PDB file of all heavy atoms in Angstrom:
ATOM      1  N   LYS A   1       9.189 -18.577  12.435  1.00  0.00           N
ATOM      2  CA  LYS A   1       8.880 -18.724  11.026  1.00  0.00           C
ATOM      3  C   LYS A   1       7.728 -17.856  10.593  1.00  0.00           C
ATOM      4  O   LYS A   1       7.727 -17.228   9.517  1.00  0.00           O
ATOM      5  CB  LYS A   1       8.561 -20.198  10.694  1.00  0.00           C
ATOM      6  CG  LYS A   1       9.826 -21.123  10.726  1.00  0.00           C
ATOM      7  CD  LYS A   1       9.423 -22.541  10.424  1.00  0.00           C
ATOM      8  CE  LYS A   1      10.645 -23.453  10.426  1.00  0.00           C
ATOM      9  NZ  LYS A   1      10.274 -24.870  10.170  1.00  0.00           N
ATOM     10  N   LYS A   2       6.661 -17.787  11.411  1.00  0.00           N
ATOM     11  CA  LYS A   2       5.506 -16.969  11.130  1.00  0.00           C
ATOM     12  C   LYS A   2       5.907 -15.479  11.139  1.00  0.00           C
ATOM     13  O   LYS A   2       5.471 -14.692  10.241  1.00  0.00           O
ATOM     14  CB  LYS A   2       4.396 -17.193  12.160  1.00  0.00           C
ATOM     15  CG  LYS A   2       3.767 -18.584  12.043  1.00  0.00           C
ATOM     16  CD  LYS A   2       2.720 -18.787  13.115  1.00  0.00           C
ATOM     17  CE  LYS A   2       2.098 -20.173  13.069  1.00  0.00           C
ATOM     18  NZ  LYS A   2       1.124 -20.422  14.144  1.00  0.00           N
ATOM     19  N   THR A   3       6.747 -15.122  12.114  1.00  0.00           N
ATOM     20  CA  THR A   3       7.171 -13.730  12.198  1.00  0.00           C
ATOM     21  C   THR A   3       8.036 -13.347  10.984  1.00  0.00           C
ATOM     22  O   THR A   3       7.877 -12.262  10.414  1.00  0.00           O
ATOM     23  CB  THR A   3       8.025 -13.500  13.486  1.00  0.00           C
ATOM     24  OG1 THR A   3       7.257 -13.822  14.620  1.00  0.00           O
ATOM     25  CG2 THR A   3       8.506 -12.083  13.589  1.00  0.00           C
ATOM     26  N   SER A   4       8.908 -14.299  10.576  1.00  0.00           N
ATOM     27  CA  SER A   4       9.746 -14.023   9.396  1.00  0.00           C
ATOM     28  C   SER A   4       8.916 -13.866   8.143  1.00  0.00           C
ATOM     29  O   SER A   4       9.137 -12.993   7.312  1.00  0.00           O
ATOM     30  CB  SER A   4      10.751 -15.223   9.242  1.00  0.00           C
ATOM     31  OG  SER A   4      11.531 -15.046   8.050  1.00  0.00           O
ATOM     32  N   ALA A   5       7.868 -14.722   8.026  1.00  0.00           N
ATOM     33  CA  ALA A   5       6.956 -14.630   6.828  1.00  0.00           C
ATOM     34  C   ALA A   5       6.200 -13.324   6.823  1.00  0.00           C
ATOM     35  O   ALA A   5       6.054 -12.731   5.767  1.00  0.00           O
ATOM     36  CB  ALA A   5       6.003 -15.834   6.850  1.00  0.00           C
ATOM     37  N   LEU A   6       5.795 -12.881   8.042  1.00  0.00           N
ATOM     38  CA  LEU A   6       5.092 -11.605   8.120  1.00  0.00           C
ATOM     39  C   LEU A   6       5.970 -10.432   7.712  1.00  0.00           C
ATOM     40  O   LEU A   6       5.574  -9.518   7.017  1.00  0.00           O
ATOM     41  CB  LEU A   6       4.566 -11.373   9.522  1.00  0.00           C
ATOM     42  CG  LEU A   6       3.316 -12.188   9.902  1.00  0.00           C
ATOM     43  CD1 LEU A   6       3.018 -11.986  11.410  1.00  0.00           C
ATOM     44  CD2 LEU A   6       2.119 -11.715   9.103  1.00  0.00           C
ATOM     45  N   MET A   7       7.257 -10.496   8.147  1.00  0.00           N
ATOM     46  CA  MET A   7       8.206  -9.422   7.843  1.00  0.00           C
ATOM     47  C   MET A   7       8.509  -9.400   6.309  1.00  0.00           C
ATOM     48  O   MET A   7       8.618  -8.344   5.718  1.00  0.00           O
ATOM     49  CB  MET A   7       9.495  -9.580   8.628  1.00  0.00           C
ATOM     50  CG  MET A   7       9.334  -9.389  10.125  1.00  0.00           C
ATOM     51  SD  MET A   7       8.674  -7.797  10.534  1.00  0.00           S
ATOM     52  CE  MET A   7      10.029  -6.699   9.935  1.00  0.00           C
ATOM     53  N   ILE A   8       8.604 -10.614   5.734  1.00  0.00           N
ATOM     54  CA  ILE A   8       8.827 -10.651   4.278  1.00  0.00           C
ATOM     55  C   ILE A   8       7.622 -10.099   3.523  1.00  0.00           C
ATOM     56  O   ILE A   8       7.753  -9.343   2.562  1.00  0.00           O
ATOM     57  CB  ILE A   8       9.134 -12.103   3.841  1.00  0.00           C
ATOM     58  CG1 ILE A   8      10.510 -12.561   4.389  1.00  0.00           C
ATOM     59  CG2 ILE A   8       9.114 -12.224   2.318  1.00  0.00           C
ATOM     60  CD1 ILE A   8      10.762 -14.040   4.203  1.00  0.00           C
ATOM     61  N   ALA A   9       6.431 -10.461   3.975  1.00  0.00           N
ATOM     62  CA  ALA A   9       5.198  -9.957   3.326  1.00  0.00           C
ATOM     63  C   ALA A   9       5.093  -8.447   3.485  1.00  0.00           C
ATOM     64  O   ALA A   9       4.719  -7.754   2.531  1.00  0.00           O
ATOM     65  CB  ALA A   9       3.998 -10.621   3.969  1.00  0.00           C
ATOM     66  N   ALA A  10       5.457  -7.943   4.690  1.00  0.00           N
ATOM     67  CA  ALA A  10       5.427  -6.474   4.912  1.00  0.00           C
ATOM     68  C   ALA A  10       6.399  -5.796   3.981  1.00  0.00           C
ATOM     69  O   ALA A  10       6.095  -4.725   3.406  1.00  0.00           O
ATOM     70  CB  ALA A  10       5.718  -6.182   6.350  1.00  0.00           C
ATOM     71  N   GLU A  11       7.596  -6.381   3.863  1.00  0.00           N
ATOM     72  CA  GLU A  11       8.623  -5.752   3.007  1.00  0.00           C
ATOM     73  C   GLU A  11       8.182  -5.729   1.571  1.00  0.00           C
ATOM     74  O   GLU A  11       8.332  -4.706   0.853  1.00  0.00           O
ATOM     75  CB  GLU A  11       9.933  -6.571   3.145  1.00  0.00           C
ATOM     76  CG  GLU A  11      11.087  -5.970   2.356  1.00  0.00           C
ATOM     77  CD  GLU A  11      12.396  -6.768   2.529  1.00  0.00           C
ATOM     78  OE1 GLU A  11      12.406  -7.727   3.334  1.00  0.00           O
ATOM     79  OE2 GLU A  11      13.349  -6.452   1.848  1.00  0.00           O
ATOM     80  N   ASN A  12       7.573  -6.822   1.092  1.00  0.00           N
ATOM     81  CA  ASN A  12       7.082  -6.876  -0.279  1.00  0.00           C
ATOM     82  C   ASN A  12       5.924  -5.888  -0.523  1.00  0.00           C
ATOM     83  O   ASN A  12       5.858  -5.204  -1.574  1.00  0.00           O
ATOM     84  CB  ASN A  12       6.600  -8.278  -0.648  1.00  0.00           C
ATOM     85  CG  ASN A  12       7.757  -9.271  -0.712  1.00  0.00           C
ATOM     86  OD1 ASN A  12       8.893  -8.901  -0.985  1.00  0.00           O
ATOM     87  ND2 ASN A  12       7.453 -10.560  -0.484  1.00  0.00           N
ATOM     88  N   GLU A  13       5.081  -5.750   0.502  1.00  0.00           N
ATOM     89  CA  GLU A  13       3.957  -4.808   0.349  1.00  0.00           C
ATOM     90  C   GLU A  13       4.464  -3.380   0.297  1.00  0.00           C
ATOM     91  O   GLU A  13       3.936  -2.534  -0.446  1.00  0.00           O
ATOM     92  CB  GLU A  13       2.983  -4.989   1.548  1.00  0.00           C
ATOM     93  CG  GLU A  13       1.729  -4.179   1.385  1.00  0.00           C
ATOM     94  CD  GLU A  13       0.650  -4.518   2.422  1.00  0.00           C
ATOM     95  OE1 GLU A  13       0.766  -5.626   3.030  1.00  0.00           O
ATOM     96  OE2 GLU A  13      -0.265  -3.718   2.623  1.00  0.00           O
ATOM     97  N   LEU A  14       5.478  -3.065   1.137  1.00  0.00           N
ATOM     98  CA  LEU A  14       6.047  -1.731   1.095  1.00  0.00           C
ATOM     99  C   LEU A  14       6.720  -1.468  -0.213  1.00  0.00           C
ATOM    100  O   LEU A  14       6.678  -0.332  -0.726  1.00  0.00           O
ATOM    101  CB  LEU A  14       7.057  -1.598   2.267  1.00  0.00           C
ATOM    102  CG  LEU A  14       6.448  -1.531   3.690  1.00  0.00           C
ATOM    103  CD1 LEU A  14       7.545  -1.546   4.727  1.00  0.00           C
ATOM    104  CD2 LEU A  14       5.591  -0.277   3.819  1.00  0.00           C
ATOM    105  N   LYS A  15       7.397  -2.473  -0.797  1.00  0.00           N
ATOM    106  CA  LYS A  15       8.043  -2.261  -2.060  1.00  0.00           C
ATOM    107  C   LYS A  15       7.037  -1.950  -3.155  1.00  0.00           C
ATOM    108  O   LYS A  15       7.256  -1.038  -3.990  1.00  0.00           O
ATOM    109  CB  LYS A  15       8.830  -3.545  -2.447  1.00  0.00           C
ATOM    110  CG  LYS A  15      10.158  -3.715  -1.673  1.00  0.00           C
ATOM    111  CD  LYS A  15      10.844  -4.981  -2.079  1.00  0.00           C
ATOM    112  CE  LYS A  15      12.184  -5.163  -1.331  1.00  0.00           C
ATOM    113  NZ  LYS A  15      12.851  -6.435  -1.669  1.00  0.00           N
ATOM    114  N   THR A  16       5.923  -2.676  -3.170  1.00  0.00           N
ATOM    115  CA  THR A  16       4.874  -2.396  -4.207  1.00  0.00           C
ATOM    116  C   THR A  16       4.242  -1.047  -3.971  1.00  0.00           C
ATOM    117  O   THR A  16       3.863  -0.344  -4.928  1.00  0.00           O
ATOM    118  CB  THR A  16       3.820  -3.519  -4.212  1.00  0.00           C
ATOM    119  OG1 THR A  16       3.213  -3.561  -2.926  1.00  0.00           O
ATOM    120  CG2 THR A  16       4.413  -4.836  -4.542  1.00  0.00           C
ATOM    121  N   LEU A  17       4.125  -0.662  -2.674  1.00  0.00           N
ATOM    122  CA  LEU A  17       3.545   0.644  -2.384  1.00  0.00           C
ATOM    123  C   LEU A  17       4.456   1.779  -2.858  1.00  0.00           C
ATOM    124  O   LEU A  17       4.034   2.731  -3.449  1.00  0.00           O
ATOM    125  CB  LEU A  17       3.288   0.761  -0.878  1.00  0.00           C
ATOM    126  CG  LEU A  17       2.582   2.031  -0.384  1.00  0.00           C
ATOM    127  CD1 LEU A  17       1.211   2.154  -0.990  1.00  0.00           C
ATOM    128  CD2 LEU A  17       2.511   2.035   1.121  1.00  0.00           C
ATOM    129  N   LEU A  18       5.746   1.585  -2.578  1.00  0.00           N
ATOM    130  CA  LEU A  18       6.754   2.604  -3.017  1.00  0.00           C
ATOM    131  C   LEU A  18       6.827   2.668  -4.550  1.00  0.00           C
ATOM    132  O   LEU A  18       7.119   3.707  -5.123  1.00  0.00           O
ATOM    133  CB  LEU A  18       8.126   2.265  -2.447  1.00  0.00           C
ATOM    134  CG  LEU A  18       8.290   2.509  -0.934  1.00  0.00           C
ATOM    135  CD1 LEU A  18       9.600   1.882  -0.395  1.00  0.00           C
ATOM    136  CD2 LEU A  18       8.295   4.030  -0.655  1.00  0.00           C
ATOM    137  N   ALA A  19       6.602   1.535  -5.220  1.00  0.00           N
ATOM    138  CA  ALA A  19       6.641   1.496  -6.665  1.00  0.00           C
ATOM    139  C   ALA A  19       5.385   2.001  -7.318  1.00  0.00           C
ATOM    140  O   ALA A  19       5.309   2.163  -8.519  1.00  0.00           O
ATOM    141  CB  ALA A  19       6.949   0.079  -7.165  1.00  0.00           C
ATOM    142  N   GLY A  20       4.372   2.266  -6.494  1.00  0.00           N
ATOM    143  CA  GLY A  20       3.087   2.709  -7.031  1.00  0.00           C
ATOM    144  C   GLY A  20       2.226   1.629  -7.606  1.00  0.00           C
ATOM    145  O   GLY A  20       1.217   1.905  -8.242  1.00  0.00           O
ATOM    146  N   GLN A  21       2.575   0.377  -7.314  1.00  0.00           N
ATOM    147  CA  GLN A  21       1.795  -0.740  -7.872  1.00  0.00           C
ATOM    148  C   GLN A  21       0.549  -0.988  -7.016  1.00  0.00           C
ATOM    149  O   GLN A  21      -0.446  -1.579  -7.448  1.00  0.00           O
ATOM    150  CB  GLN A  21       2.641  -2.021  -7.923  1.00  0.00           C
ATOM    151  CG  GLN A  21       3.805  -1.885  -8.859  1.00  0.00           C
ATOM    152  CD  GLN A  21       4.810  -3.067  -8.700  1.00  0.00           C
ATOM    153  OE1 GLN A  21       4.681  -3.894  -7.839  1.00  0.00           O
ATOM    154  NE2 GLN A  21       5.795  -3.106  -9.581  1.00  0.00           N
ATOM    155  N   THR A  22       0.594  -0.610  -5.725  1.00  0.00           N
ATOM    156  CA  THR A  22      -0.559  -0.731  -4.866  1.00  0.00           C
ATOM    157  C   THR A  22      -0.700   0.588  -4.076  1.00  0.00           C
ATOM    158  O   THR A  22       0.137   1.505  -4.178  1.00  0.00           O
ATOM    159  CB  THR A  22      -0.378  -1.873  -3.847  1.00  0.00           C
ATOM    160  OG1 THR A  22       0.786  -1.603  -3.027  1.00  0.00           O
ATOM    161  CG2 THR A  22      -0.234  -3.226  -4.554  1.00  0.00           C
ATOM    162  N   GLY A  23      -1.777   0.670  -3.312  1.00  0.00           N
ATOM    163  CA  GLY A  23      -1.980   1.896  -2.484  1.00  0.00           C
ATOM    164  C   GLY A  23      -3.474   2.290  -2.493  1.00  0.00           C
ATOM    165  O   GLY A  23      -4.222   1.840  -3.348  1.00  0.00           O
ATOM    166  N   GLN A  24      -3.793   3.166  -1.563  1.00  0.00           N
ATOM    167  CA  GLN A  24      -5.167   3.677  -1.544  1.00  0.00           C
ATOM    168  C   GLN A  24      -5.133   5.072  -0.928  1.00  0.00           C
ATOM    169  O   GLN A  24      -4.299   5.373  -0.098  1.00  0.00           O
ATOM    170  CB  GLN A  24      -6.084   2.766  -0.800  1.00  0.00           C
ATOM    171  CG  GLN A  24      -5.738   2.524   0.636  1.00  0.00           C
ATOM    172  CD  GLN A  24      -6.690   1.532   1.319  1.00  0.00           C
ATOM    173  OE1 GLN A  24      -7.203   0.610   0.680  1.00  0.00           O
ATOM    174  NE2 GLN A  24      -6.967   1.718   2.606  1.00  0.00           N
ATOM    175  N   PHE A  25      -6.058   5.895  -1.371  1.00  0.00           N
ATOM    176  CA  PHE A  25      -6.158   7.270  -0.804  1.00  0.00           C
ATOM    177  C   PHE A  25      -7.552   7.806  -1.013  1.00  0.00           C
ATOM    178  O   PHE A  25      -8.338   7.325  -1.855  1.00  0.00           O
ATOM    179  CB  PHE A  25      -5.079   8.202  -1.371  1.00  0.00           C
ATOM    180  CG  PHE A  25      -5.254   8.486  -2.873  1.00  0.00           C
ATOM    181  CD1 PHE A  25      -5.892   9.633  -3.296  1.00  0.00           C
ATOM    182  CD2 PHE A  25      -4.736   7.606  -3.819  1.00  0.00           C
ATOM    183  CE1 PHE A  25      -6.038   9.886  -4.636  1.00  0.00           C
ATOM    184  CE2 PHE A  25      -4.899   7.876  -5.140  1.00  0.00           C
ATOM    185  CZ  PHE A  25      -5.494   9.015  -5.572  1.00  0.00           C
ATOM    186  N   LYS A  26      -7.877   8.869  -0.261  1.00  0.00           N
ATOM    187  CA  LYS A  26      -9.175   9.527  -0.360  1.00  0.00           C
ATOM    188  C   LYS A  26      -8.993  10.836  -1.111  1.00  0.00           C
ATOM    189  O   LYS A  26      -8.047  11.594  -0.871  1.00  0.00           O
ATOM    190  CB  LYS A  26      -9.732   9.791   1.017  1.00  0.00           C
ATOM    191  CG  LYS A  26     -10.182   8.559   1.760  1.00  0.00           C
ATOM    192  CD  LYS A  26     -10.585   8.881   3.201  1.00  0.00           C
ATOM    193  CE  LYS A  26     -11.864   9.718   3.206  1.00  0.00           C
ATOM    194  NZ  LYS A  26     -12.332  10.001   4.595  1.00  0.00           N
ATOM    195  N   LEU A  27      -9.911  11.121  -2.011  1.00  0.00           N
ATOM    196  CA  LEU A  27      -9.915  12.370  -2.777  1.00  0.00           C
ATOM    197  C   LEU A  27     -11.219  13.094  -2.469  1.00  0.00           C
ATOM    198  O   LEU A  27     -12.308  12.573  -2.721  1.00  0.00           O
ATOM    199  CB  LEU A  27      -9.819  12.066  -4.253  1.00  0.00           C
ATOM    200  CG  LEU A  27      -9.965  13.225  -5.240  1.00  0.00           C
ATOM    201  CD1 LEU A  27      -8.842  14.280  -5.034  1.00  0.00           C
ATOM    202  CD2 LEU A  27      -9.948  12.747  -6.665  1.00  0.00           C
ATOM    203  N   GLY A  28     -11.088  14.303  -1.950  1.00  0.00           N
ATOM    204  CA  GLY A  28     -12.297  15.121  -1.701  1.00  0.00           C
ATOM    205  C   GLY A  28     -12.569  16.032  -2.884  1.00  0.00           C
ATOM    206  O   GLY A  28     -11.661  16.513  -3.534  1.00  0.00           O
ATOM    207  N   ALA A  29     -13.861  16.258  -3.169  1.00  0.00           N
ATOM    208  CA  ALA A  29     -14.204  17.080  -4.329  1.00  0.00           C
ATOM    209  C   ALA A  29     -15.563  17.780  -4.062  1.00  0.00           C
ATOM    210  O   ALA A  29     -16.442  17.200  -3.496  1.00  0.00           O
ATOM    211  CB  ALA A  29     -14.303  16.279  -5.592  1.00  0.00           C
ATOM    212  N   SER A  30     -15.647  19.027  -4.503  1.00  0.00           N
ATOM    213  CA  SER A  30     -16.926  19.716  -4.482  1.00  0.00           C
ATOM    214  C   SER A  30     -17.802  19.161  -5.572  1.00  0.00           C
ATOM    215  O   SER A  30     -17.321  18.385  -6.456  1.00  0.00           O
ATOM    216  CB  SER A  30     -16.756  21.222  -4.600  1.00  0.00           C
ATOM    217  OG  SER A  30     -16.038  21.569  -5.790  1.00  0.00           O
ATOM    218  N   THR A  31     -19.069  19.536  -5.608  1.00  0.00           N
ATOM    219  CA  THR A  31     -20.046  18.799  -6.408  1.00  0.00           C
ATOM    220  C   THR A  31     -19.784  18.836  -7.912  1.00  0.00           C
ATOM    221  O   THR A  31     -19.927  17.820  -8.581  1.00  0.00           O
ATOM    222  CB  THR A  31     -21.457  19.326  -6.114  1.00  0.00           C
ATOM    223  OG1 THR A  31     -21.486  20.736  -6.249  1.00  0.00           O
ATOM    224  CG2 THR A  31     -21.900  18.937  -4.722  1.00  0.00           C
ATOM    225  N   ILE A  32     -19.419  19.991  -8.462  1.00  0.00           N
ATOM    226  CA  ILE A  32     -19.237  20.062  -9.912  1.00  0.00           C
ATOM    227  C   ILE A  32     -18.072  19.206 -10.393  1.00  0.00           C
ATOM    228  O   ILE A  32     -18.238  18.307 -11.243  1.00  0.00           O
ATOM    229  CB  ILE A  32     -19.102  21.502 -10.391  1.00  0.00           C
ATOM    230  CG1 ILE A  32     -20.364  22.283 -10.125  1.00  0.00           C
ATOM    231  CG2 ILE A  32     -18.760  21.551 -11.881  1.00  0.00           C
ATOM    232  CD1 ILE A  32     -21.627  21.752 -10.828  1.00  0.00           C
ATOM    233  N   PRO A  33     -16.856  19.384  -9.877  1.00  0.00           N
ATOM    234  CA  PRO A  33     -15.792  18.511 -10.322  1.00  0.00           C
ATOM    235  C   PRO A  33     -16.027  17.031  -9.905  1.00  0.00           C
ATOM    236  O   PRO A  33     -15.700  16.111 -10.669  1.00  0.00           O
ATOM    237  CB  PRO A  33     -14.507  19.086  -9.612  1.00  0.00           C
ATOM    238  CG  PRO A  33     -15.033  19.897  -8.527  1.00  0.00           C
ATOM    239  CD  PRO A  33     -16.326  20.439  -8.971  1.00  0.00           C
TER     240      PRO A  33
END
């Protein structure tokens, strides 16, 4: 049951990531911009 819940949570997280509702990334920039 715990494994099933984890898989469902992972699937939902991936769906939101693919939809652009969640996510994180690093942006590098030189000083002026």
